[in-house]
C-alpha atoms as a PDB file:
ATOM      1  CA  MET A   1      -7.228  -9.329 -28.111  1.00  0.00           C
ATOM      2  CA  SER A   2      -6.877 -12.914 -29.283  1.00  0.00           C
ATOM      3  CA  GLU A   3      -5.832 -15.665 -26.881  1.00  0.00           C
ATOM      4  CA  SER A   4      -2.548 -16.090 -28.758  1.00  0.00           C
ATOM      5  CA  ALA A   5      -1.782 -12.382 -28.466  1.00  0.00           C
ATOM      6  CA  ALA A   6      -2.651 -12.434 -24.793  1.00  0.00           C
ATOM      7  CA  SER A   7      -0.376 -15.419 -24.215  1.00  0.00           C
ATOM      8  CA  ASN A   8       2.526 -13.518 -25.805  1.00  0.00           C
ATOM      9  CA  SER A   9       2.093 -10.572 -23.457  1.00  0.00           C
ATOM     10  CA  PRO A  10       4.551 -10.356 -20.566  1.00  0.00           C
ATOM     11  CA  GLN A  11       3.244 -11.416 -17.173  1.00  0.00           C
ATOM     12  CA  LYS A  12       1.925  -8.461 -15.219  1.00  0.00           C
ATOM     13  CA  ILE A  13       4.008  -7.497 -12.194  1.00  0.00           C
ATOM     14  CA  LEU A  14       2.924  -5.938  -8.907  1.00  0.00           C
ATOM     15  CA  LEU A  15       5.331  -4.415  -6.401  1.00  0.00           C
ATOM     16  CA  LEU A  16       3.750  -4.512  -2.952  1.00  0.00           C
ATOM     17  CA  THR A  17       5.049  -3.142   0.337  1.00  0.00           C
ATOM     18  CA  GLY A  18       3.695  -4.491   3.604  1.00  0.00           C
ATOM     19  CA  ALA A  19       2.753  -7.869   2.164  1.00  0.00           C
ATOM     20  CA  SER A  20       3.126 -10.188   5.128  1.00  0.00           C
ATOM     21  CA  ARG A  21      -0.239  -9.862   6.860  1.00  0.00           C
ATOM     22  CA  GLY A  22      -3.735  -8.409   6.785  1.00  0.00           C
ATOM     23  CA  ILE A  23      -4.522  -6.295   3.733  1.00  0.00           C
ATOM     24  CA  GLY A  24      -1.123  -6.979   2.196  1.00  0.00           C
ATOM     25  CA  HIS A  25      -1.473 -10.747   2.452  1.00  0.00           C
ATOM     26  CA  ALA A  26      -4.972 -10.613   0.953  1.00  0.00           C
ATOM     27  CA  THR A  27      -3.621  -8.454  -1.879  1.00  0.00           C
ATOM     28  CA  VAL A  28      -0.908 -11.007  -2.680  1.00  0.00           C
ATOM     29  CA  LYS A  29      -3.569 -13.714  -2.923  1.00  0.00           C
ATOM     30  CA  ARG A  30      -5.896 -11.601  -5.093  1.00  0.00           C
ATOM     31  CA  PHE A  31      -3.255 -10.658  -7.655  1.00  0.00           C
ATOM     32  CA  SER A  32      -1.589 -14.081  -7.671  1.00  0.00           C
ATOM     33  CA  SER A  33      -4.943 -15.739  -8.382  1.00  0.00           C
ATOM     34  CA  ALA A  34      -5.262 -13.479 -11.433  1.00  0.00           C
ATOM     35  CA  GLY A  35      -1.873 -14.609 -12.752  1.00  0.00           C
ATOM     36  CA  TRP A  36       0.217 -11.631 -11.673  1.00  0.00           C
ATOM     37  CA  ARG A  37       3.766 -11.934 -10.408  1.00  0.00           C
ATOM     38  CA  VAL A  38       4.009 -10.241  -7.005  1.00  0.00           C
ATOM     39  CA  ILE A  39       7.290  -8.758  -5.773  1.00  0.00           C
ATOM     40  CA  ALA A  40       7.033  -8.052  -2.049  1.00  0.00           C
ATOM     41  CA  CYS A  41       9.098  -5.676   0.078  1.00  0.00           C
ATOM     42  CA  SER A  42       9.797  -6.309   3.748  1.00  0.00           C
ATOM     43  CA  ARG A  43      12.292  -5.415   6.471  1.00  0.00           C
ATOM     44  CA  HIS A  44      12.802  -9.108   7.112  1.00  0.00           C
ATOM     45  CA  ALA A  45      14.504 -11.824   5.104  1.00  0.00           C
ATOM     46  CA  VAL A  46      12.463 -14.657   3.629  1.00  0.00           C
ATOM     47  CA  PRO A  47      12.023 -17.420   6.232  1.00  0.00           C
ATOM     48  CA  GLU A  48      13.738 -20.661   5.257  1.00  0.00           C
ATOM     49  CA  ASP A  49      10.456 -22.544   5.626  1.00  0.00           C
ATOM     50  CA  CYS A  50       8.465 -20.118   3.449  1.00  0.00           C
ATOM     51  CA  PRO A  51       6.099 -22.210   1.279  1.00  0.00           C
ATOM     52  CA  TRP A  52       6.071 -19.605  -1.538  1.00  0.00           C
ATOM     53  CA  ALA A  53       8.141 -21.197  -4.337  1.00  0.00           C
ATOM     54  CA  GLN A  54       9.265 -17.873  -5.785  1.00  0.00           C
ATOM     55  CA  SER A  55       9.941 -16.291  -2.378  1.00  0.00           C
ATOM     56  CA  ALA A  56      13.649 -15.550  -2.863  1.00  0.00           C
ATOM     57  CA  GLU A  57      13.285 -14.184  -6.380  1.00  0.00           C
ATOM     58  CA  ASP A  58      10.212 -12.116  -5.537  1.00  0.00           C
ATOM     59  CA  HIS A  59      11.230 -10.760  -2.139  1.00  0.00           C
ATOM     60  CA  VAL A  60      13.151  -7.531  -1.591  1.00  0.00           C
ATOM     61  CA  GLN A  61      14.503  -6.902   1.875  1.00  0.00           C
ATOM     62  CA  VAL A  62      14.441  -3.174   2.593  1.00  0.00           C
ATOM     63  CA  ASP A  63      14.077  -0.837   5.541  1.00  0.00           C
ATOM     64  CA  LEU A  64      11.618   1.775   4.277  1.00  0.00           C
ATOM     65  CA  GLY A  65      12.463   3.839   7.364  1.00  0.00           C
ATOM     66  CA  ASP A  66      15.945   4.363   5.923  1.00  0.00           C
ATOM     67  CA  PRO A  67      16.019   6.705   2.880  1.00  0.00           C
ATOM     68  CA  ALA A  68      19.350   5.352   1.633  1.00  0.00           C
ATOM     69  CA  ASP A  69      18.173   1.747   1.857  1.00  0.00           C
ATOM     70  CA  THR A  70      14.945   2.650   0.072  1.00  0.00           C
ATOM     71  CA  LEU A  71      16.918   4.098  -2.838  1.00  0.00           C
ATOM     72  CA  ARG A  72      19.148   1.010  -2.853  1.00  0.00           C
ATOM     73  CA  ALA A  73      16.037  -1.172  -3.053  1.00  0.00           C
ATOM     74  CA  VAL A  74      14.787   0.731  -6.116  1.00  0.00           C
ATOM     75  CA  GLU A  75      17.841  -0.454  -8.039  1.00  0.00           C
ATOM     76  CA  ASP A  76      17.393  -3.995  -6.707  1.00  0.00           C
ATOM     77  CA  ILE A  77      13.765  -3.999  -7.841  1.00  0.00           C
ATOM     78  CA  ARG A  78      14.677  -2.627 -11.261  1.00  0.00           C
ATOM     79  CA  ARG A  79      17.031  -5.569 -11.842  1.00  0.00           C
ATOM     80  CA  ARG A  80      14.144  -7.953 -11.166  1.00  0.00           C
ATOM     81  CA  LEU A  81      11.926  -6.532 -13.935  1.00  0.00           C
ATOM     82  CA  PRO A  82      12.798  -8.589 -17.028  1.00  0.00           C
ATOM     83  CA  HIS A  83      11.040  -6.369 -19.554  1.00  0.00           C
ATOM     84  CA  GLY A  84      11.685  -3.025 -17.876  1.00  0.00           C
ATOM     85  CA  ARG A  85       7.991  -2.832 -16.969  1.00  0.00           C
ATOM     86  CA  LEU A  86       6.123  -2.462 -13.684  1.00  0.00           C
ATOM     87  CA  ASP A  87       2.370  -2.712 -13.993  1.00  0.00           C
ATOM     88  CA  ALA A  88       1.448  -1.672 -10.464  1.00  0.00           C
ATOM     89  CA  LEU A  89       2.942  -0.347  -7.250  1.00  0.00           C
ATOM     90  CA  VAL A  90       0.896  -0.656  -4.060  1.00  0.00           C
ATOM     91  CA  ASN A  91       2.254   1.333  -1.128  1.00  0.00           C
ATOM     92  CA  ASN A  92       0.672  -0.605   1.717  1.00  0.00           C
ATOM     93  CA  ALA A  93       3.444  -0.578   4.337  1.00  0.00           C
ATOM     94  CA  GLY A  94       2.811   1.666   7.319  1.00  0.00           C
ATOM     95  CA  ILE A  95       3.745   1.980  10.963  1.00  0.00           C
ATOM     96  CA  SER A  96       1.569   3.181  13.844  1.00  0.00           C
ATOM     97  CA  PRO A  97       3.633   3.245  17.047  1.00  0.00           C
ATOM     98  CA  LYS A  98       1.888   2.908  20.399  1.00  0.00           C
ATOM     99  CA  GLY A  99       2.720   4.046  23.913  1.00  0.00           C
ATOM    100  CA  PRO A 100       2.985   1.848  27.020  1.00  0.00           C
ATOM    101  CA  GLY A 101       0.173  -0.687  27.155  1.00  0.00           C
ATOM    102  CA  GLY A 102      -0.870   0.169  23.594  1.00  0.00           C
ATOM    103  CA  ALA A 103      -1.737   3.769  24.478  1.00  0.00           C
ATOM    104  CA  ARG A 104      -2.427   6.265  21.699  1.00  0.00           C
ATOM    105  CA  LEU A 105       0.487   8.632  21.063  1.00  0.00           C
ATOM    106  CA  ASP A 106      -0.821  12.172  20.638  1.00  0.00           C
ATOM    107  CA  THR A 107       0.899  15.342  19.424  1.00  0.00           C
ATOM    108  CA  ILE A 108       2.263  16.059  22.906  1.00  0.00           C
ATOM    109  CA  SER A 109       3.601  12.616  23.771  1.00  0.00           C
ATOM    110  CA  THR A 110       5.171  11.623  20.429  1.00  0.00           C
ATOM    111  CA  GLU A 111       8.915  12.184  20.285  1.00  0.00           C
ATOM    112  CA  ILE A 112      10.202  14.129  17.268  1.00  0.00           C
ATOM    113  CA  ASP A 113      12.423  11.266  16.137  1.00  0.00           C
ATOM    114  CA  LEU A 114       9.359   9.022  16.086  1.00  0.00           C
ATOM    115  CA  TRP A 115       7.475  11.563  13.977  1.00  0.00           C
ATOM    116  CA  LYS A 116      10.344  11.449  11.485  1.00  0.00           C
ATOM    117  CA  GLN A 117      10.358   7.658  11.409  1.00  0.00           C
ATOM    118  CA  VAL A 118       6.607   7.433  10.829  1.00  0.00           C
ATOM    119  CA  PHE A 119       6.681  10.010   8.053  1.00  0.00           C
ATOM    120  CA  GLN A 120       9.616   8.325   6.336  1.00  0.00           C
ATOM    121  CA  VAL A 121       7.818   4.963   6.157  1.00  0.00           C
ATOM    122  CA  ASN A 122       4.250   6.181   5.616  1.00  0.00           C
ATOM    123  CA  LEU A 123       4.757   9.232   3.394  1.00  0.00           C
ATOM    124  CA  PHE A 124       8.252   9.629   1.978  1.00  0.00           C
ATOM    125  CA  ALA A 125       8.959   6.001   1.025  1.00  0.00           C
ATOM    126  CA  PRO A 126       5.872   5.794  -1.240  1.00  0.00           C
ATOM    127  CA  VAL A 127       6.937   8.770  -3.336  1.00  0.00           C
ATOM    128  CA  MET A 128      10.559   7.593  -3.373  1.00  0.00           C
ATOM    129  CA  LEU A 129       9.521   4.200  -4.758  1.00  0.00           C
ATOM    130  CA  ALA A 130       7.087   5.642  -7.295  1.00  0.00           C
ATOM    131  CA  ARG A 131       9.473   8.319  -8.503  1.00  0.00           C
ATOM    132  CA  GLY A 132      12.414   5.917  -8.640  1.00  0.00           C
ATOM    133  CA  LEU A 133      10.434   3.382 -10.680  1.00  0.00           C
ATOM    134  CA  LEU A 134       8.643   5.893 -12.911  1.00  0.00           C
ATOM    135  CA  PRO A 135      10.422   4.697 -16.097  1.00  0.00           C
ATOM    136  CA  GLU A 136       9.165   1.149 -15.502  1.00  0.00           C
ATOM    137  CA  LEU A 137       5.670   2.332 -14.581  1.00  0.00           C
ATOM    138  CA  ARG A 138       5.612   4.553 -17.666  1.00  0.00           C
ATOM    139  CA  GLU A 139       6.665   1.673 -19.913  1.00  0.00           C
ATOM    140  CA  ALA A 140       3.720  -0.409 -18.650  1.00  0.00           C
ATOM    141  CA  LYS A 141       1.234   2.489 -18.458  1.00  0.00           C
ATOM    142  CA  GLY A 142       0.928   1.269 -14.912  1.00  0.00           C
ATOM    143  CA  ALA A 143      -0.859   2.277 -11.738  1.00  0.00           C
ATOM    144  CA  VAL A 144       0.078   3.326  -8.219  1.00  0.00           C
ATOM    145  CA  VAL A 145      -2.206   2.750  -5.235  1.00  0.00           C
ATOM    146  CA  ASN A 146      -1.426   4.424  -1.924  1.00  0.00           C
ATOM    147  CA  VAL A 147      -3.051   2.933   1.170  1.00  0.00           C
ATOM    148  CA  THR A 148      -4.195   5.775   3.428  1.00  0.00           C
ATOM    149  CA  SER A 149      -6.632   5.450   6.345  1.00  0.00           C
ATOM    150  CA  ILE A 150      -9.859   6.748   7.794  1.00  0.00           C
ATOM    151  CA  ALA A 151      -7.575   8.169  10.495  1.00  0.00           C
ATOM    152  CA  GLY A 152      -6.277  10.642   7.930  1.00  0.00           C
ATOM    153  CA  SER A 153      -9.577  12.524   7.937  1.00  0.00           C
ATOM    154  CA  ARG A 154     -10.532  12.521  11.635  1.00  0.00           C
ATOM    155  CA  VAL A 155      -9.082  12.117  15.104  1.00  0.00           C
ATOM    156  CA  HIS A 156      -9.130   8.373  15.670  1.00  0.00           C
ATOM    157  CA  PRO A 157      -9.425   6.764  19.114  1.00  0.00           C
ATOM    158  CA  PHE A 158      -6.501   4.401  18.493  1.00  0.00           C
ATOM    159  CA  ALA A 159      -4.339   5.733  15.647  1.00  0.00           C
ATOM    160  CA  GLY A 160      -1.649   8.113  16.868  1.00  0.00           C
ATOM    161  CA  ALA A 161      -1.134  11.679  15.736  1.00  0.00           C
ATOM    162  CA  ALA A 162       1.961  10.942  13.654  1.00  0.00           C
ATOM    163  CA  TYR A 163       0.252   8.056  11.878  1.00  0.00           C
ATOM    164  CA  ALA A 164      -2.918  10.054  11.218  1.00  0.00           C
ATOM    165  CA  THR A 165      -1.133  13.099   9.843  1.00  0.00           C
ATOM    166  CA  SER A 166       1.176  10.970   7.691  1.00  0.00           C
ATOM    167  CA  LYS A 167      -1.869   9.266   6.162  1.00  0.00           C
ATOM    168  CA  ALA A 168      -3.546  12.625   5.583  1.00  0.00           C
ATOM    169  CA  GLY A 169      -0.384  13.711   3.824  1.00  0.00           C
ATOM    170  CA  LEU A 170      -0.377  10.529   1.740  1.00  0.00           C
ATOM    171  CA  ALA A 171      -3.904  11.299   0.567  1.00  0.00           C
ATOM    172  CA  ARG A 172      -2.833  14.753  -0.577  1.00  0.00           C
ATOM    173  CA  LEU A 173       0.356  13.305  -2.069  1.00  0.00           C
ATOM    174  CA  THR A 174      -1.843  11.005  -4.150  1.00  0.00           C
ATOM    175  CA  ARG A 175      -3.508  14.036  -5.706  1.00  0.00           C
ATOM    176  CA  GLU A 176      -0.159  15.663  -6.483  1.00  0.00           C
ATOM    177  CA  MET A 177       1.250  12.454  -7.933  1.00  0.00           C
ATOM    178  CA  ALA A 178      -1.826  11.950 -10.106  1.00  0.00           C
ATOM    179  CA  ALA A 179      -1.247  15.369 -11.656  1.00  0.00           C
ATOM    180  CA  ASP A 180       2.474  14.753 -12.156  1.00  0.00           C
ATOM    181  CA  PHE A 181       2.392  11.115 -13.267  1.00  0.00           C
ATOM    182  CA  GLY A 182      -0.724  11.400 -15.463  1.00  0.00           C
ATOM    183  CA  PRO A 183       1.071  12.893 -18.491  1.00  0.00           C
ATOM    184  CA  HIS A 184       3.359   9.837 -18.371  1.00  0.00           C
ATOM    185  CA  GLY A 185       0.354   7.515 -18.660  1.00  0.00           C
ATOM    186  CA  VAL A 186       0.560   6.419 -15.023  1.00  0.00           C
ATOM    187  CA  ARG A 187      -2.524   6.561 -12.809  1.00  0.00           C
ATOM    188  CA  VAL A 188      -2.248   7.245  -9.079  1.00  0.00           C
ATOM    189  CA  ASN A 189      -5.097   6.569  -6.647  1.00  0.00           C
ATOM    190  CA  ALA A 190      -5.583   5.845  -2.959  1.00  0.00           C
ATOM    191  CA  ILE A 191      -7.781   3.690  -0.788  1.00  0.00           C
ATOM    192  CA  ALA A 192      -8.730   4.668   2.757  1.00  0.00           C
ATOM    193  CA  PRO A 193      -9.634   1.594   4.813  1.00  0.00           C
ATOM    194  CA  GLY A 194     -11.629   1.913   7.997  1.00  0.00           C
ATOM    195  CA  GLU A 195     -11.871  -0.821  10.635  1.00  0.00           C
ATOM    196  CA  ILE A 196     -10.626  -3.958   8.897  1.00  0.00           C
ATOM    197  CA  ASP A 197     -10.634  -7.330  10.655  1.00  0.00           C
ATOM    198  CA  THR A 198      -6.916  -8.144  10.892  1.00  0.00           C
ATOM    199  CA  SER A 199      -4.555  -9.389  13.594  1.00  0.00           C
ATOM    200  CA  ILE A 200      -3.330  -5.845  14.313  1.00  0.00           C
ATOM    201  CA  LEU A 201      -6.669  -4.425  15.461  1.00  0.00           C
ATOM    202  CA  SER A 202      -6.426  -2.410  18.663  1.00  0.00           C
ATOM    203  CA  PRO A 203      -8.337  -3.644  21.706  1.00  0.00           C
ATOM    204  CA  GLY A 204     -11.711  -1.931  21.829  1.00  0.00           C
ATOM    205  CA  THR A 205     -12.189  -1.785  18.055  1.00  0.00           C
ATOM    206  CA  GLU A 206     -15.302  -3.938  18.380  1.00  0.00           C
ATOM    207  CA  LYS A 207     -16.989  -0.999  20.159  1.00  0.00           C
ATOM    208  CA  LEU A 208     -16.720   1.048  16.958  1.00  0.00           C
ATOM    209  CA  VAL A 209     -18.894  -1.423  15.050  1.00  0.00           C
ATOM    210  CA  ALA A 210     -22.040   0.181  16.469  1.00  0.00           C
ATOM    211  CA  GLU A 211     -21.022   3.438  14.722  1.00  0.00           C
ATOM    212  CA  ILE A 212     -20.530   1.809  11.316  1.00  0.00           C
ATOM    213  CA  PRO A 213     -23.651   1.868   9.106  1.00  0.00           C
ATOM    214  CA  LEU A 214     -23.011  -1.686   7.855  1.00  0.00           C
ATOM    215  CA  ARG A 215     -22.560  -2.820  11.491  1.00  0.00           C
ATOM    216  CA  ARG A 216     -19.505  -4.976  10.854  1.00  0.00           C
ATOM    217  CA  LEU A 217     -15.753  -4.842  10.348  1.00  0.00           C
ATOM    218  CA  GLY A 218     -14.356  -4.973   6.846  1.00  0.00           C
ATOM    219  CA  LYS A 219     -12.557  -8.006   5.459  1.00  0.00           C
ATOM    220  CA  PRO A 220      -9.004  -7.794   4.067  1.00  0.00           C
ATOM    221  CA  GLU A 221     -10.122  -9.447   0.842  1.00  0.00           C
ATOM    222  CA  GLU A 222     -12.713  -6.687   0.328  1.00  0.00           C
ATOM    223  CA  VAL A 223      -9.920  -4.137   0.435  1.00  0.00           C
ATOM    224  CA  ALA A 224      -7.757  -6.269  -1.863  1.00  0.00           C
ATOM    225  CA  ARG A 225     -10.497  -6.386  -4.485  1.00  0.00           C
ATOM    226  CA  THR A 226     -10.640  -2.598  -4.610  1.00  0.00           C
ATOM    227  CA  ILE A 227      -6.856  -2.393  -4.921  1.00  0.00           C
ATOM    228  CA  TYR A 228      -7.043  -4.858  -7.809  1.00  0.00           C
ATOM    229  CA  TYR A 229      -9.719  -2.774  -9.527  1.00  0.00           C
ATOM    230  CA  LEU A 230      -7.516   0.323  -9.335  1.00  0.00           C
ATOM    231  CA  CYS A 231      -4.592  -1.558 -10.911  1.00  0.00           C
ATOM    232  CA  THR A 232      -6.482  -2.887 -13.936  1.00  0.00           C
ATOM    233  CA  SER A 233      -8.040  -1.488 -17.079  1.00  0.00           C
ATOM    234  CA  GLU A 234     -11.433  -1.549 -15.335  1.00  0.00           C
ATOM    235  CA  SER A 235     -10.394   1.788 -13.789  1.00  0.00           C
ATOM    236  CA  ALA A 236      -8.583   3.157 -16.851  1.00  0.00           C
ATOM    237  CA  TYR A 237     -10.039   6.680 -16.465  1.00  0.00           C
ATOM    238  CA  VAL A 238      -9.745   6.885 -12.669  1.00  0.00           C
ATOM    239  CA  THR A 239      -6.844   8.848 -11.215  1.00  0.00           C
ATOM    240  CA  GLY A 240      -6.373  11.174  -8.268  1.00  0.00           C
ATOM    241  CA  ALA A 241      -9.193   9.452  -6.370  1.00  0.00           C
ATOM    242  CA  GLU A 242      -9.322   8.219  -2.778  1.00  0.00           C
ATOM    243  CA  ILE A 243     -11.839   5.413  -2.269  1.00  0.00           C
ATOM    244  CA  GLU A 244     -13.286   5.008   1.228  1.00  0.00           C
ATOM    245  CA  ILE A 245     -13.539   1.361   2.289  1.00  0.00           C
ATOM    246  CA  ASN A 246     -15.162   1.592   5.699  1.00  0.00           C
ATOM    247  CA  GLY A 247     -18.750   0.353   5.596  1.00  0.00           C
ATOM    248  CA  GLY A 248     -20.007   3.935   5.646  1.00  0.00           C
ATOM    249  CA  GLN A 249     -18.082   4.965   8.768  1.00  0.00           C
ATOM    250  CA  HIS A 250     -17.075   8.226   7.090  1.00  0.00           C
ATOM    251  CA  VAL A 251     -20.642   9.466   6.510  1.00  0.00           C
END
């Protein structure tokens, strides 16, 4: 493609949930540096002192734990897409409730209403967003990336039962979505981070480093680079995959 043709192409757009910290924040920086417009979803309004110039235009306030509000947000997002195109959707938002003192919530101690809340945010919201925005993803021949977890494939010392099973479900949902969205030209993949060095690490995570073959925690920007790969033409024939990003912890 010539430079003039490239300059006439519409700016690529990413819709990202869970953008405010850790992996999400690193993902915003990675895509923005490549010239993408990033529309972020959050339960909170944009702070008045937010330094991001496009913060109001590119921020959608939504409670992903509320199905009705999630569907309302789909229409809000659609109105923000000037060419009726969405190049990528990254479902990064997730909740992992803890017990008193940060205790792990197991299958016995987790209240049913909490199970429902976790599954709504971690599993149902991703498919609601992707299905609701399928016309825009189809128009762009776009990509969906679901952020799962190493906790989805094993009992984790910190991640609760509801979180772990919702992430396992999201991994399987990725496979189903890849089969269903593929004929529309939309690729659907997942990444499964392990122990990533963010502000939300549970106390004691450093003890797990000895069990990781690379002997270190992952960096948010390392995860963001893999997300970027899955949203670009570099991965044009990759769909239905789940990429482990854990320094070999899964082996």
